[in-house]
Amino acid sequence: MEFPDNHIIEELYSSGVVTNIATSQEYKTLIGEYNDLFDTIEDNELKDKLEKLEEMKNKLYSETDKDVFKAGFSMAVKMLIEALSTNV
């Protein structure tokens, strides 16, 4: 689904609504385990490459999250409009 630049849904996503969501305890545990394992890597070149890969992966996930948010928000609004326009 394509959205024009500066679309209102894009602005809503960028406003921080999603970033203010608290992370679960499971996430905090997993990130702790990840960091503990990462800290055991002694090869600095390998560590640098893994950090760059992690940054790229996070950017990919961020773009996917944004697209999912926009699609879900659009669907919810369409459902609301349909519900409000139904004469039952």
N, C-alpha and C. Protein backbone atom coordinates (compact mmCIF):
# COMPACT_ATOMS: atom_id res chain seq x y z
N MET A 1 0.85 -1.17 0.00
CA MET A 1 0.00 0.00 0.00
C MET A 1 0.90 1.24 0.00
N GLU A 2 0.66 2.14 -0.92
CA GLU A 2 1.48 3.34 -1.06
C GLU A 2 0.78 4.54 -0.42
N PHE A 3 1.54 5.36 0.28
CA PHE A 3 1.01 6.56 0.89
C PHE A 3 1.83 7.75 0.39
N PRO A 4 1.17 8.86 0.12
CA PRO A 4 1.91 10.05 -0.32
C PRO A 4 2.78 10.58 0.81
N ASP A 5 3.83 11.35 0.44
CA ASP A 5 4.68 11.96 1.46
C ASP A 5 3.86 12.87 2.35
N ASN A 6 4.23 12.93 3.61
CA ASN A 6 3.57 13.77 4.61
C ASN A 6 2.09 13.44 4.77
N HIS A 7 1.75 12.22 4.54
CA HIS A 7 0.38 11.76 4.76
C HIS A 7 0.07 11.88 6.24
N ILE A 8 -1.18 12.16 6.59
CA ILE A 8 -1.55 12.37 7.99
C ILE A 8 -1.23 11.14 8.85
N ILE A 9 -1.35 9.94 8.28
CA ILE A 9 -1.03 8.74 9.04
C ILE A 9 0.47 8.68 9.31
N GLU A 10 1.26 9.09 8.34
CA GLU A 10 2.71 9.16 8.52
C GLU A 10 3.06 10.14 9.65
N GLU A 11 2.39 11.28 9.67
CA GLU A 11 2.62 12.26 10.73
C GLU A 11 2.24 11.70 12.08
N LEU A 12 1.13 10.97 12.14
CA LEU A 12 0.69 10.37 13.39
C LEU A 12 1.73 9.36 13.88
N TYR A 13 2.22 8.51 12.98
CA TYR A 13 3.24 7.52 13.35
C TYR A 13 4.50 8.22 13.84
N SER A 14 4.90 9.28 13.14
CA SER A 14 6.13 9.99 13.49
C SER A 14 6.00 10.82 14.76
N SER A 15 4.78 11.02 15.23
CA SER A 15 4.57 11.86 16.42
C SER A 15 5.07 11.20 17.70
N GLY A 16 5.37 9.92 17.64
CA GLY A 16 5.87 9.24 18.82
C GLY A 16 4.83 8.39 19.51
N VAL A 17 3.65 8.28 18.95
CA VAL A 17 2.59 7.46 19.55
C VAL A 17 3.09 6.03 19.73
N VAL A 18 3.75 5.49 18.73
CA VAL A 18 4.22 4.12 18.79
C VAL A 18 5.47 3.99 19.66
N THR A 19 6.35 4.97 19.62
CA THR A 19 7.60 4.87 20.37
C THR A 19 7.39 4.98 21.87
N ASN A 20 6.26 5.49 22.31
CA ASN A 20 5.99 5.62 23.74
C ASN A 20 5.37 4.37 24.35
N ILE A 21 5.18 3.35 23.55
CA ILE A 21 4.61 2.10 24.06
C ILE A 21 5.66 1.38 24.89
N ALA A 22 5.30 0.98 26.09
CA ALA A 22 6.23 0.29 26.97
C ALA A 22 6.56 -1.10 26.43
N THR A 23 7.79 -1.51 26.62
CA THR A 23 8.18 -2.84 26.17
C THR A 23 7.84 -3.86 27.25
N SER A 24 7.62 -5.09 26.82
CA SER A 24 7.24 -6.15 27.74
C SER A 24 8.46 -6.63 28.54
N GLN A 25 8.18 -7.35 29.60
CA GLN A 25 9.25 -7.93 30.39
C GLN A 25 10.02 -8.96 29.56
N GLU A 26 9.31 -9.69 28.71
CA GLU A 26 9.96 -10.67 27.85
C GLU A 26 10.98 -9.99 26.94
N TYR A 27 10.59 -8.85 26.37
CA TYR A 27 11.51 -8.09 25.51
C TYR A 27 12.74 -7.66 26.30
N LYS A 28 12.52 -7.14 27.49
CA LYS A 28 13.64 -6.68 28.31
C LYS A 28 14.59 -7.83 28.65
N THR A 29 14.03 -8.99 28.93
CA THR A 29 14.85 -10.17 29.22
C THR A 29 15.66 -10.57 27.99
N LEU A 30 15.00 -10.61 26.82
CA LEU A 30 15.69 -11.01 25.59
C LEU A 30 16.78 -10.02 25.21
N ILE A 31 16.53 -8.74 25.37
CA ILE A 31 17.55 -7.75 25.01
C ILE A 31 18.73 -7.84 25.97
N GLY A 32 18.45 -8.17 27.22
CA GLY A 32 19.53 -8.39 28.19
C GLY A 32 20.39 -9.58 27.80
N GLU A 33 19.75 -10.68 27.41
CA GLU A 33 20.48 -11.86 26.97
C GLU A 33 21.29 -11.57 25.70
N TYR A 34 20.69 -10.81 24.79
CA TYR A 34 21.38 -10.43 23.55
C TYR A 34 22.64 -9.63 23.89
N ASN A 35 22.49 -8.63 24.74
CA ASN A 35 23.63 -7.79 25.11
C ASN A 35 24.72 -8.58 25.84
N ASP A 36 24.31 -9.49 26.70
CA ASP A 36 25.29 -10.33 27.41
C ASP A 36 26.09 -11.17 26.42
N LEU A 37 25.41 -11.77 25.45
CA LEU A 37 26.10 -12.57 24.44
C LEU A 37 26.99 -11.70 23.56
N PHE A 38 26.48 -10.55 23.15
CA PHE A 38 27.27 -9.65 22.31
C PHE A 38 28.55 -9.22 23.01
N ASP A 39 28.46 -8.99 24.30
CA ASP A 39 29.63 -8.55 25.07
C ASP A 39 30.71 -9.62 25.17
N THR A 40 30.37 -10.88 24.90
CA THR A 40 31.36 -11.95 24.95
C THR A 40 32.21 -12.03 23.68
N ILE A 41 31.82 -11.31 22.63
CA ILE A 41 32.57 -11.34 21.37
C ILE A 41 33.83 -10.51 21.54
N GLU A 42 34.97 -11.13 21.30
CA GLU A 42 36.26 -10.47 21.50
C GLU A 42 36.84 -9.88 20.23
N ASP A 43 36.44 -10.39 19.08
CA ASP A 43 36.95 -9.91 17.79
C ASP A 43 36.28 -8.58 17.45
N ASN A 44 37.05 -7.49 17.50
CA ASN A 44 36.50 -6.15 17.29
C ASN A 44 35.96 -5.95 15.87
N GLU A 45 36.61 -6.54 14.89
CA GLU A 45 36.13 -6.40 13.51
C GLU A 45 34.77 -7.09 13.36
N LEU A 46 34.65 -8.27 13.93
CA LEU A 46 33.39 -8.99 13.90
C LEU A 46 32.31 -8.21 14.66
N LYS A 47 32.68 -7.65 15.79
CA LYS A 47 31.73 -6.86 16.59
C LYS A 47 31.21 -5.66 15.80
N ASP A 48 32.13 -4.98 15.09
CA ASP A 48 31.74 -3.82 14.28
C ASP A 48 30.77 -4.23 13.16
N LYS A 49 31.06 -5.36 12.52
CA LYS A 49 30.18 -5.84 11.45
C LYS A 49 28.81 -6.21 12.00
N LEU A 50 28.80 -6.86 13.15
CA LEU A 50 27.52 -7.22 13.76
C LEU A 50 26.72 -5.98 14.16
N GLU A 51 27.40 -4.95 14.66
CA GLU A 51 26.70 -3.71 15.01
C GLU A 51 26.09 -3.05 13.78
N LYS A 52 26.83 -3.04 12.66
CA LYS A 52 26.30 -2.47 11.42
C LYS A 52 25.10 -3.28 10.92
N LEU A 53 25.21 -4.61 11.00
CA LEU A 53 24.08 -5.45 10.60
C LEU A 53 22.87 -5.19 11.48
N GLU A 54 23.09 -5.02 12.77
CA GLU A 54 22.00 -4.74 13.71
C GLU A 54 21.32 -3.40 13.37
N GLU A 55 22.13 -2.39 13.04
CA GLU A 55 21.58 -1.09 12.65
C GLU A 55 20.72 -1.22 11.39
N MET A 56 21.22 -1.96 10.41
CA MET A 56 20.47 -2.14 9.17
C MET A 56 19.19 -2.91 9.43
N LYS A 57 19.26 -3.95 10.27
CA LYS A 57 18.07 -4.74 10.59
C LYS A 57 17.04 -3.87 11.29
N ASN A 58 17.48 -3.02 12.21
CA ASN A 58 16.55 -2.14 12.91
C ASN A 58 15.87 -1.16 11.97
N LYS A 59 16.61 -0.65 10.99
CA LYS A 59 16.02 0.25 10.00
C LYS A 59 14.98 -0.49 9.17
N LEU A 60 15.29 -1.73 8.79
CA LEU A 60 14.33 -2.54 8.03
C LEU A 60 13.07 -2.78 8.84
N TYR A 61 13.23 -3.18 10.11
CA TYR A 61 12.07 -3.42 10.97
C TYR A 61 11.27 -2.14 11.18
N SER A 62 11.96 -1.02 11.30
CA SER A 62 11.28 0.25 11.50
C SER A 62 10.38 0.59 10.30
N GLU A 63 10.90 0.37 9.11
CA GLU A 63 10.11 0.64 7.91
C GLU A 63 8.91 -0.30 7.83
N THR A 64 9.13 -1.56 8.17
CA THR A 64 8.03 -2.54 8.16
C THR A 64 6.99 -2.16 9.19
N ASP A 65 7.44 -1.80 10.40
CA ASP A 65 6.52 -1.39 11.47
C ASP A 65 5.67 -0.20 11.03
N LYS A 66 6.30 0.75 10.36
CA LYS A 66 5.59 1.94 9.90
C LYS A 66 4.51 1.56 8.88
N ASP A 67 4.87 0.69 7.95
CA ASP A 67 3.90 0.26 6.94
C ASP A 67 2.73 -0.50 7.56
N VAL A 68 3.03 -1.37 8.52
CA VAL A 68 1.98 -2.12 9.21
C VAL A 68 1.07 -1.18 9.98
N PHE A 69 1.65 -0.19 10.66
CA PHE A 69 0.86 0.79 11.41
C PHE A 69 -0.08 1.54 10.47
N LYS A 70 0.46 2.01 9.35
CA LYS A 70 -0.36 2.78 8.41
C LYS A 70 -1.49 1.94 7.82
N ALA A 71 -1.17 0.70 7.46
CA ALA A 71 -2.21 -0.17 6.90
C ALA A 71 -3.27 -0.49 7.93
N GLY A 72 -2.87 -0.80 9.15
CA GLY A 72 -3.82 -1.10 10.22
C GLY A 72 -4.68 0.09 10.57
N PHE A 73 -4.07 1.25 10.65
CA PHE A 73 -4.82 2.47 10.97
C PHE A 73 -5.83 2.77 9.88
N SER A 74 -5.41 2.64 8.63
CA SER A 74 -6.33 2.88 7.51
C SER A 74 -7.50 1.91 7.53
N MET A 75 -7.22 0.65 7.81
CA MET A 75 -8.28 -0.35 7.87
C MET A 75 -9.25 -0.04 9.01
N ALA A 76 -8.73 0.35 10.15
CA ALA A 76 -9.59 0.66 11.30
C ALA A 76 -10.51 1.84 10.99
N VAL A 77 -9.98 2.84 10.32
CA VAL A 77 -10.79 4.01 9.97
C VAL A 77 -11.87 3.61 8.96
N LYS A 78 -11.52 2.79 7.98
CA LYS A 78 -12.51 2.33 7.00
C LYS A 78 -13.62 1.53 7.69
N MET A 79 -13.24 0.69 8.64
CA MET A 79 -14.23 -0.10 9.37
C MET A 79 -15.14 0.82 10.19
N LEU A 80 -14.56 1.84 10.79
CA LEU A 80 -15.34 2.80 11.59
C LEU A 80 -16.33 3.55 10.69
N ILE A 81 -15.87 3.99 9.55
CA ILE A 81 -16.75 4.69 8.62
C ILE A 81 -17.88 3.78 8.15
N GLU A 82 -17.55 2.54 7.84
CA GLU A 82 -18.58 1.59 7.41
C GLU A 82 -19.59 1.34 8.53
N ALA A 83 -19.09 1.18 9.75
CA ALA A 83 -20.00 0.94 10.89
C ALA A 83 -20.90 2.13 11.12
N LEU A 84 -20.37 3.33 11.01
CA LEU A 84 -21.17 4.53 11.23
C LEU A 84 -22.17 4.78 10.11
N SER A 85 -21.87 4.30 8.91
CA SER A 85 -22.77 4.54 7.79
C SER A 85 -23.80 3.42 7.59
N THR A 86 -23.72 2.37 8.39
CA THR A 86 -24.66 1.27 8.30
C THR A 86 -25.91 1.59 9.09
N ASN A 87 -27.04 1.51 8.44
CA ASN A 87 -28.32 1.76 9.14
C ASN A 87 -28.88 0.43 9.63
N VAL A 88 -28.61 0.14 10.86
CA VAL A 88 -29.09 -1.11 11.43
C VAL A 88 -30.18 -0.81 12.43
